[in-house]
Amino acid sequence: MSSSAVLQQCARTLVRSASGSSRQISTSAVARGGGGPFDYHYIHAPKMYDVAGMPNKHLVYGSMCTVGLLGGFFIPLYAISHSQKKTMG
């Protein structure tokens, strides 16, 4: 086969494969609103991220940390005891 015949055969194969499954890239419009990627105030309340002005912040965050630590300690213990009870019958 000559080189032009090989090129024609490759072109035919490409055309057949391209027409059988045509994929296209589709995009939507850019979301407009807010002041940029770090402007959360258009979704949430204006004072939601004002931690410095939060009343009793030490009490709130201390209690949340305590609950998280206790949950992280007691949930695995409960899971172990429950699985051991199930295996004992």
PDB file of N, CA and C in Angstrom:
ATOM      1  N   MET A   1       0.833  -1.184   0.000  1.00  0.00           N
ATOM      2  CA  MET A   1       0.000   0.000   0.000  1.00  0.00           C
ATOM      3  C   MET A   1       0.871   1.238   0.000  1.00  0.00           C
ATOM      4  N   SER A   2       0.397   2.222  -0.704  1.00  0.00           N
ATOM      5  CA  SER A   2       1.150   3.475  -0.710  1.00  0.00           C
ATOM      6  C   SER A   2       0.785   4.288   0.530  1.00  0.00           C
ATOM      7  N   SER A   3       1.581   5.300   0.756  1.00  0.00           N
ATOM      8  CA  SER A   3       1.355   6.119   1.957  1.00  0.00           C
ATOM      9  C   SER A   3       0.055   6.906   1.871  1.00  0.00           C
ATOM     10  N   SER A   4      -0.371   7.315   0.690  1.00  0.00           N
ATOM     11  CA  SER A   4      -1.629   8.044   0.570  1.00  0.00           C
ATOM     12  C   SER A   4      -2.815   7.124   0.856  1.00  0.00           C
ATOM     13  N   ALA A   5      -2.719   5.877   0.469  1.00  0.00           N
ATOM     14  CA  ALA A   5      -3.792   4.914   0.749  1.00  0.00           C
ATOM     15  C   ALA A   5      -3.890   4.647   2.249  1.00  0.00           C
ATOM     16  N   VAL A   6      -2.751   4.581   2.917  1.00  0.00           N
ATOM     17  CA  VAL A   6      -2.745   4.386   4.368  1.00  0.00           C
ATOM     18  C   VAL A   6      -3.364   5.583   5.065  1.00  0.00           C
ATOM     19  N   LEU A   7      -3.020   6.781   4.603  1.00  0.00           N
ATOM     20  CA  LEU A   7      -3.595   7.998   5.185  1.00  0.00           C
ATOM     21  C   LEU A   7      -5.101   8.063   4.954  1.00  0.00           C
ATOM     22  N   GLN A   8      -5.554   7.663   3.765  1.00  0.00           N
ATOM     23  CA  GLN A   8      -6.990   7.664   3.490  1.00  0.00           C
ATOM     24  C   GLN A   8      -7.725   6.649   4.373  1.00  0.00           C
ATOM     25  N   GLN A   9      -7.124   5.506   4.568  1.00  0.00           N
ATOM     26  CA  GLN A   9      -7.736   4.490   5.429  1.00  0.00           C
ATOM     27  C   GLN A   9      -7.825   4.990   6.868  1.00  0.00           C
ATOM     28  N   CYS A  10      -6.769   5.636   7.353  1.00  0.00           N
ATOM     29  CA  CYS A  10      -6.781   6.198   8.719  1.00  0.00           C
ATOM     30  C   CYS A  10      -7.835   7.287   8.849  1.00  0.00           C
ATOM     31  N   ALA A  11      -7.955   8.108   7.801  1.00  0.00           N
ATOM     32  CA  ALA A  11      -8.954   9.177   7.830  1.00  0.00           C
ATOM     33  C   ALA A  11     -10.358   8.594   7.873  1.00  0.00           C
ATOM     34  N   ARG A  12     -10.616   7.541   7.077  1.00  0.00           N
ATOM     35  CA  ARG A  12     -11.938   6.898   7.096  1.00  0.00           C
ATOM     36  C   ARG A  12     -12.248   6.308   8.472  1.00  0.00           C
ATOM     37  N   THR A  13     -11.269   5.682   9.077  1.00  0.00           N
ATOM     38  CA  THR A  13     -11.457   5.095  10.408  1.00  0.00           C
ATOM     39  C   THR A  13     -11.756   6.166  11.444  1.00  0.00           C
ATOM     40  N   LEU A  14     -11.038   7.259  11.369  1.00  0.00           N
ATOM     41  CA  LEU A  14     -11.278   8.355  12.311  1.00  0.00           C
ATOM     42  C   LEU A  14     -12.658   8.967  12.136  1.00  0.00           C
ATOM     43  N   VAL A  15     -13.079   9.133  10.894  1.00  0.00           N
ATOM     44  CA  VAL A  15     -14.398   9.709  10.634  1.00  0.00           C
ATOM     45  C   VAL A  15     -15.486   8.784  11.143  1.00  0.00           C
ATOM     46  N   ARG A  16     -15.331   7.479  10.923  1.00  0.00           N
ATOM     47  CA  ARG A  16     -16.332   6.523  11.411  1.00  0.00           C
ATOM     48  C   ARG A  16     -16.413   6.512  12.929  1.00  0.00           C
ATOM     49  N   SER A  17     -15.263   6.523  13.587  1.00  0.00           N
ATOM     50  CA  SER A  17     -15.271   6.485  15.052  1.00  0.00           C
ATOM     51  C   SER A  17     -15.761   7.796  15.642  1.00  0.00           C
ATOM     52  N   ALA A  18     -15.491   8.912  14.984  1.00  0.00           N
ATOM     53  CA  ALA A  18     -15.926  10.200  15.505  1.00  0.00           C
ATOM     54  C   ALA A  18     -17.420  10.402  15.323  1.00  0.00           C
ATOM     55  N   SER A  19     -17.980   9.914  14.235  1.00  0.00           N
ATOM     56  CA  SER A  19     -19.409  10.115  14.002  1.00  0.00           C
ATOM     57  C   SER A  19     -20.253   9.203  14.882  1.00  0.00           C
ATOM     58  N   GLY A  20     -19.725   8.052  15.289  1.00  0.00           N
ATOM     59  CA  GLY A  20     -20.487   7.117  16.117  1.00  0.00           C
ATOM     60  C   GLY A  20     -20.661   7.600  17.543  1.00  0.00           C
ATOM     61  N   SER A  21     -19.678   8.239  18.084  1.00  0.00           N
ATOM     62  CA  SER A  21     -19.775   8.712  19.460  1.00  0.00           C
ATOM     63  C   SER A  21     -19.229  10.134  19.523  1.00  0.00           C
ATOM     64  N   SER A  22     -20.121  11.060  19.450  1.00  0.00           N
ATOM     65  CA  SER A  22     -19.680  12.455  19.493  1.00  0.00           C
ATOM     66  C   SER A  22     -19.853  12.970  20.917  1.00  0.00           C
ATOM     67  N   ARG A  23     -18.778  13.373  21.487  1.00  0.00           N
ATOM     68  CA  ARG A  23     -18.813  13.946  22.828  1.00  0.00           C
ATOM     69  C   ARG A  23     -18.531  15.428  22.728  1.00  0.00           C
ATOM     70  N   GLN A  24     -19.239  16.175  23.527  1.00  0.00           N
ATOM     71  CA  GLN A  24     -19.041  17.611  23.518  1.00  0.00           C
ATOM     72  C   GLN A  24     -18.860  18.089  24.937  1.00  0.00           C
ATOM     73  N   ILE A  25     -18.140  19.151  25.071  1.00  0.00           N
ATOM     74  CA  ILE A  25     -17.966  19.775  26.375  1.00  0.00           C
ATOM     75  C   ILE A  25     -19.037  20.841  26.527  1.00  0.00           C
ATOM     76  N   SER A  26     -19.831  20.715  27.555  1.00  0.00           N
ATOM     77  CA  SER A  26     -20.850  21.722  27.792  1.00  0.00           C
ATOM     78  C   SER A  26     -20.611  22.359  29.150  1.00  0.00           C
ATOM     79  N   THR A  27     -20.729  23.635  29.193  1.00  0.00           N
ATOM     80  CA  THR A  27     -20.536  24.364  30.438  1.00  0.00           C
ATOM     81  C   THR A  27     -21.747  25.223  30.705  1.00  0.00           C
ATOM     82  N   SER A  28     -21.905  25.595  31.940  1.00  0.00           N
ATOM     83  CA  SER A  28     -22.983  26.498  32.302  1.00  0.00           C
ATOM     84  C   SER A  28     -22.393  27.870  32.588  1.00  0.00           C
ATOM     85  N   ALA A  29     -23.250  28.820  32.765  1.00  0.00           N
ATOM     86  CA  ALA A  29     -22.795  30.179  33.024  1.00  0.00           C
ATOM     87  C   ALA A  29     -22.167  30.263  34.412  1.00  0.00           C
ATOM     88  N   VAL A  30     -21.271  31.167  34.579  1.00  0.00           N
ATOM     89  CA  VAL A  30     -20.608  31.383  35.852  1.00  0.00           C
ATOM     90  C   VAL A  30     -21.612  31.952  36.841  1.00  0.00           C
ATOM     91  N   ALA A  31     -21.620  31.422  38.049  1.00  0.00           N
ATOM     92  CA  ALA A  31     -22.532  31.922  39.070  1.00  0.00           C
ATOM     93  C   ALA A  31     -22.112  33.320  39.480  1.00  0.00           C
ATOM     94  N   ARG A  32     -23.013  34.233  39.400  1.00  0.00           N
ATOM     95  CA  ARG A  32     -22.716  35.618  39.752  1.00  0.00           C
ATOM     96  C   ARG A  32     -23.355  35.942  41.086  1.00  0.00           C
ATOM     97  N   GLY A  33     -22.689  36.728  41.876  1.00  0.00           N
ATOM     98  CA  GLY A  33     -23.227  37.127  43.168  1.00  0.00           C
ATOM     99  C   GLY A  33     -22.150  37.080  44.220  1.00  0.00           C
ATOM    100  N   GLY A  34     -22.280  37.889  45.213  1.00  0.00           N
ATOM    101  CA  GLY A  34     -21.267  37.937  46.247  1.00  0.00           C
ATOM    102  C   GLY A  34     -20.056  38.719  45.781  1.00  0.00           C
ATOM    103  N   GLY A  35     -19.071  38.799  46.636  1.00  0.00           N
ATOM    104  CA  GLY A  35     -17.892  39.574  46.315  1.00  0.00           C
ATOM    105  C   GLY A  35     -16.727  38.732  45.889  1.00  0.00           C
ATOM    106  N   GLY A  36     -16.878  37.445  45.814  1.00  0.00           N
ATOM    107  CA  GLY A  36     -15.772  36.594  45.420  1.00  0.00           C
ATOM    108  C   GLY A  36     -15.878  35.256  46.102  1.00  0.00           C
ATOM    109  N   PRO A  37     -14.833  34.442  46.000  1.00  0.00           N
ATOM    110  CA  PRO A  37     -14.925  33.098  46.563  1.00  0.00           C
ATOM    111  C   PRO A  37     -14.930  33.066  48.085  1.00  0.00           C
ATOM    112  N   PHE A  38     -14.465  34.117  48.747  1.00  0.00           N
ATOM    113  CA  PHE A  38     -14.408  34.113  50.207  1.00  0.00           C
ATOM    114  C   PHE A  38     -15.446  35.035  50.826  1.00  0.00           C
ATOM    115  N   ASP A  39     -16.432  35.436  50.081  1.00  0.00           N
ATOM    116  CA  ASP A  39     -17.484  36.282  50.619  1.00  0.00           C
ATOM    117  C   ASP A  39     -18.681  35.404  50.944  1.00  0.00           C
ATOM    118  N   TYR A  40     -18.780  34.973  52.189  1.00  0.00           N
ATOM    119  CA  TYR A  40     -19.838  34.058  52.601  1.00  0.00           C
ATOM    120  C   TYR A  40     -21.099  34.781  53.064  1.00  0.00           C
ATOM    121  N   HIS A  41     -21.063  36.078  53.113  1.00  0.00           N
ATOM    122  CA  HIS A  41     -22.177  36.809  53.687  1.00  0.00           C
ATOM    123  C   HIS A  41     -23.398  36.825  52.772  1.00  0.00           C
ATOM    124  N   TYR A  42     -23.238  36.526  51.501  1.00  0.00           N
ATOM    125  CA  TYR A  42     -24.418  36.507  50.647  1.00  0.00           C
ATOM    126  C   TYR A  42     -25.223  35.240  50.846  1.00  0.00           C
ATOM    127  N   ILE A  43     -24.656  34.229  51.509  1.00  0.00           N
ATOM    128  CA  ILE A  43     -25.401  33.005  51.797  1.00  0.00           C
ATOM    129  C   ILE A  43     -25.844  32.987  53.256  1.00  0.00           C
ATOM    130  N   HIS A  44     -24.923  33.300  54.157  1.00  0.00           N
ATOM    131  CA  HIS A  44     -25.186  33.173  55.578  1.00  0.00           C
ATOM    132  C   HIS A  44     -25.420  34.535  56.212  1.00  0.00           C
ATOM    133  N   ALA A  45     -25.702  34.493  57.484  1.00  0.00           N
ATOM    134  CA  ALA A  45     -25.900  35.714  58.234  1.00  0.00           C
ATOM    135  C   ALA A  45     -24.588  36.490  58.324  1.00  0.00           C
ATOM    136  N   PRO A  46     -24.649  37.822  58.430  1.00  0.00           N
ATOM    137  CA  PRO A  46     -23.416  38.616  58.459  1.00  0.00           C
ATOM    138  C   PRO A  46     -22.533  38.340  59.670  1.00  0.00           C
ATOM    139  N   LYS A  47     -23.110  37.920  60.783  1.00  0.00           N
ATOM    140  CA  LYS A  47     -22.317  37.716  61.999  1.00  0.00           C
ATOM    141  C   LYS A  47     -22.004  36.248  62.250  1.00  0.00           C
ATOM    142  N   MET A  48     -22.199  35.398  61.256  1.00  0.00           N
ATOM    143  CA  MET A  48     -22.007  33.974  61.472  1.00  0.00           C
ATOM    144  C   MET A  48     -20.547  33.625  61.717  1.00  0.00           C
ATOM    145  N   TYR A  49     -19.635  34.295  61.059  1.00  0.00           N
ATOM    146  CA  TYR A  49     -18.223  33.977  61.196  1.00  0.00           C
ATOM    147  C   TYR A  49     -17.492  34.968  62.086  1.00  0.00           C
ATOM    148  N   ASP A  50     -18.218  35.724  62.874  1.00  0.00           N
ATOM    149  CA  ASP A  50     -17.610  36.699  63.785  1.00  0.00           C
ATOM    150  C   ASP A  50     -17.370  36.014  65.125  1.00  0.00           C
ATOM    151  N   VAL A  51     -16.306  35.221  65.213  1.00  0.00           N
ATOM    152  CA  VAL A  51     -16.015  34.464  66.425  1.00  0.00           C
ATOM    153  C   VAL A  51     -15.518  35.383  67.526  1.00  0.00           C
ATOM    154  N   ALA A  52     -14.789  36.418  67.170  1.00  0.00           N
ATOM    155  CA  ALA A  52     -14.246  37.326  68.183  1.00  0.00           C
ATOM    156  C   ALA A  52     -15.348  38.068  68.918  1.00  0.00           C
ATOM    157  N   GLY A  53     -16.450  38.368  68.265  1.00  0.00           N
ATOM    158  CA  GLY A  53     -17.540  39.092  68.908  1.00  0.00           C
ATOM    159  C   GLY A  53     -18.604  38.200  69.497  1.00  0.00           C
ATOM    160  N   MET A  54     -18.366  36.918  69.555  1.00  0.00           N
ATOM    161  CA  MET A  54     -19.361  35.966  70.042  1.00  0.00           C
ATOM    162  C   MET A  54     -19.394  35.964  71.569  1.00  0.00           C
ATOM    163  N   PRO A  55     -20.565  36.060  72.177  1.00  0.00           N
ATOM    164  CA  PRO A  55     -20.623  36.008  73.632  1.00  0.00           C
ATOM    165  C   PRO A  55     -20.407  34.579  74.138  1.00  0.00           C
ATOM    166  N   ASN A  56     -19.699  34.445  75.254  1.00  0.00           N
ATOM    167  CA  ASN A  56     -19.402  33.146  75.881  1.00  0.00           C
ATOM    168  C   ASN A  56     -18.688  32.190  74.931  1.00  0.00           C
ATOM    169  N   LYS A  57     -17.768  32.713  74.136  1.00  0.00           N
ATOM    170  CA  LYS A  57     -17.114  31.845  73.155  1.00  0.00           C
ATOM    171  C   LYS A  57     -16.253  30.777  73.815  1.00  0.00           C
ATOM    172  N   HIS A  58     -15.661  31.086  74.977  1.00  0.00           N
ATOM    173  CA  HIS A  58     -14.843  30.080  75.659  1.00  0.00           C
ATOM    174  C   HIS A  58     -15.720  28.934  76.169  1.00  0.00           C
ATOM    175  N   LEU A  59     -16.886  29.268  76.675  1.00  0.00           N
ATOM    176  CA  LEU A  59     -17.810  28.249  77.153  1.00  0.00           C
ATOM    177  C   LEU A  59     -18.334  27.390  75.995  1.00  0.00           C
ATOM    178  N   VAL A  60     -18.699  28.039  74.902  1.00  0.00           N
ATOM    179  CA  VAL A  60     -19.267  27.318  73.759  1.00  0.00           C
ATOM    180  C   VAL A  60     -18.228  26.395  73.126  1.00  0.00           C
ATOM    181  N   TYR A  61     -17.042  26.939  72.816  1.00  0.00           N
ATOM    182  CA  TYR A  61     -16.034  26.118  72.163  1.00  0.00           C
ATOM    183  C   TYR A  61     -15.436  25.086  73.115  1.00  0.00           C
ATOM    184  N   GLY A  62     -15.343  25.411  74.383  1.00  0.00           N
ATOM    185  CA  GLY A  62     -14.876  24.435  75.357  1.00  0.00           C
ATOM    186  C   GLY A  62     -15.826  23.268  75.484  1.00  0.00           C
ATOM    187  N   SER A  63     -17.128  23.566  75.517  1.00  0.00           N
ATOM    188  CA  SER A  63     -18.112  22.479  75.611  1.00  0.00           C
ATOM    189  C   SER A  63     -18.137  21.653  74.326  1.00  0.00           C
ATOM    190  N   MET A  64     -17.981  22.297  73.169  1.00  0.00           N
ATOM    191  CA  MET A  64     -17.958  21.534  71.922  1.00  0.00           C
ATOM    192  C   MET A  64     -16.733  20.623  71.849  1.00  0.00           C
ATOM    193  N   CYS A  65     -15.590  21.109  72.297  1.00  0.00           N
ATOM    194  CA  CYS A  65     -14.381  20.272  72.300  1.00  0.00           C
ATOM    195  C   CYS A  65     -14.517  19.117  73.278  1.00  0.00           C
ATOM    196  N   THR A  66     -15.115  19.379  74.441  1.00  0.00           N
ATOM    197  CA  THR A  66     -15.304  18.326  75.435  1.00  0.00           C
ATOM    198  C   THR A  66     -16.240  17.245  74.917  1.00  0.00           C
ATOM    199  N   VAL A  67     -17.329  17.658  74.300  1.00  0.00           N
ATOM    200  CA  VAL A  67     -18.274  16.688  73.740  1.00  0.00           C
ATOM    201  C   VAL A  67     -17.610  15.878  72.622  1.00  0.00           C
ATOM    202  N   GLY A  68     -16.810  16.534  71.794  1.00  0.00           N
ATOM    203  CA  GLY A  68     -16.116  15.817  70.722  1.00  0.00           C
ATOM    204  C   GLY A  68     -15.122  14.806  71.249  1.00  0.00           C
ATOM    205  N   LEU A  69     -14.357  15.200  72.263  1.00  0.00           N
ATOM    206  CA  LEU A  69     -13.387  14.270  72.842  1.00  0.00           C
ATOM    207  C   LEU A  69     -14.061  13.105  73.552  1.00  0.00           C
ATOM    208  N   LEU A  70     -15.109  13.389  74.318  1.00  0.00           N
ATOM    209  CA  LEU A  70     -15.817  12.307  74.998  1.00  0.00           C
ATOM    210  C   LEU A  70     -16.491  11.364  74.009  1.00  0.00           C
ATOM    211  N   GLY A  71     -17.060  11.936  72.933  1.00  0.00           N
ATOM    212  CA  GLY A  71     -17.674  11.093  71.911  1.00  0.00           C
ATOM    213  C   GLY A  71     -16.644  10.233  71.207  1.00  0.00           C
ATOM    214  N   GLY A  72     -15.485  10.800  70.940  1.00  0.00           N
ATOM    215  CA  GLY A  72     -14.430  10.044  70.289  1.00  0.00           C
ATOM    216  C   GLY A  72     -13.855   8.959  71.172  1.00  0.00           C
ATOM    217  N   PHE A  73     -14.033   9.082  72.477  1.00  0.00           N
ATOM    218  CA  PHE A  73     -13.539   8.063  73.402  1.00  0.00           C
ATOM    219  C   PHE A  73     -14.588   6.993  73.671  1.00  0.00           C
ATOM    220  N   PHE A  74     -15.845   7.401  73.897  1.00  0.00           N
ATOM    221  CA  PHE A  74     -16.861   6.449  74.323  1.00  0.00           C
ATOM    222  C   PHE A  74     -17.539   5.705  73.174  1.00  0.00           C
ATOM    223  N   ILE A  75     -17.595   6.270  71.996  1.00  0.00           N
ATOM    224  CA  ILE A  75     -18.232   5.566  70.878  1.00  0.00           C
ATOM    225  C   ILE A  75     -17.467   4.289  70.512  1.00  0.00           C
ATOM    226  N   PRO A  76     -16.131   4.318  70.403  1.00  0.00           N
ATOM    227  CA  PRO A  76     -15.429   3.049  70.134  1.00  0.00           C
ATOM    228  C   PRO A  76     -15.559   2.040  71.272  1.00  0.00           C
ATOM    229  N   LEU A  77     -15.565   2.527  72.514  1.00  0.00           N
ATOM    230  CA  LEU A  77     -15.748   1.598  73.637  1.00  0.00           C
ATOM    231  C   LEU A  77     -17.110   0.922  73.583  1.00  0.00           C
ATOM    232  N   TYR A  78     -18.139   1.691  73.264  1.00  0.00           N
ATOM    233  CA  TYR A  78     -19.475   1.125  73.138  1.00  0.00           C
ATOM    234  C   TYR A  78     -19.528   0.122  71.979  1.00  0.00           C
ATOM    235  N   ALA A  79     -18.872   0.457  70.866  1.00  0.00           N
ATOM    236  CA  ALA A  79     -18.870  -0.450  69.717  1.00  0.00           C
ATOM    237  C   ALA A  79     -18.172  -1.759  70.047  1.00  0.00           C
ATOM    238  N   ILE A  80     -17.082  -1.690  70.789  1.00  0.00           N
ATOM    239  CA  ILE A  80     -16.361  -2.906  71.175  1.00  0.00           C
ATOM    240  C   ILE A  80     -17.207  -3.761  72.105  1.00  0.00           C
ATOM    241  N   SER A  81     -17.799  -3.132  73.106  1.00  0.00           N
ATOM    242  CA  SER A  81     -18.612  -3.912  74.040  1.00  0.00           C
ATOM    243  C   SER A  81     -19.837  -4.504  73.355  1.00  0.00           C
ATOM    244  N   HIS A  82     -20.420  -3.754  72.440  1.00  0.00           N
ATOM    245  CA  HIS A  82     -21.587  -4.268  71.722  1.00  0.00           C
ATOM    246  C   HIS A  82     -21.208  -5.458  70.839  1.00  0.00           C
ATOM    247  N   SER A  83     -20.077  -5.366  70.146  1.00  0.00           N
ATOM    248  CA  SER A  83     -19.670  -6.476  69.285  1.00  0.00           C
ATOM    249  C   SER A  83     -19.284  -7.700  70.111  1.00  0.00           C
ATOM    250  N   GLN A  84     -18.709  -7.490  71.282  1.00  0.00           N
ATOM    251  CA  GLN A  84     -18.365  -8.620  72.125  1.00  0.00           C
ATOM    252  C   GLN A  84     -19.609  -9.288  72.698  1.00  0.00           C
ATOM    253  N   LYS A  85     -20.636  -8.496  73.017  1.00  0.00           N
ATOM    254  CA  LYS A  85     -21.903  -9.074  73.479  1.00  0.00           C
ATOM    255  C   LYS A  85     -22.570  -9.890  72.374  1.00  0.00           C
ATOM    256  N   LYS A  86     -22.470  -9.398  71.137  1.00  0.00           N
ATOM    257  CA  LYS A  86     -23.088 -10.108  70.020  1.00  0.00           C
ATOM    258  C   LYS A  86     -22.394 -11.432  69.745  1.00  0.00           C
ATOM    259  N   THR A  87     -21.073 -11.487  69.914  1.00  0.00           N
ATOM    260  CA  THR A  87     -20.359 -12.728  69.635  1.00  0.00           C
ATOM    261  C   THR A  87     -20.547 -13.757  70.758  1.00  0.00           C
ATOM    262  N   MET A  88     -20.838 -13.306  71.977  1.00  0.00           N
ATOM    263  CA  MET A  88     -21.031 -14.239  73.076  1.00  0.00           C
ATOM    264  C   MET A  88     -22.368 -14.958  72.960  1.00  0.00           C
ATOM    265  N   GLY A  89     -23.303 -14.361  72.267  1.00  0.00           N
ATOM    266  CA  GLY A  89     -24.568 -15.060  72.032  1.00  0.00           C
ATOM    267  C   GLY A  89     -25.578 -14.655  72.966  1.00  0.00           C
TER     268      GLY A  89
END
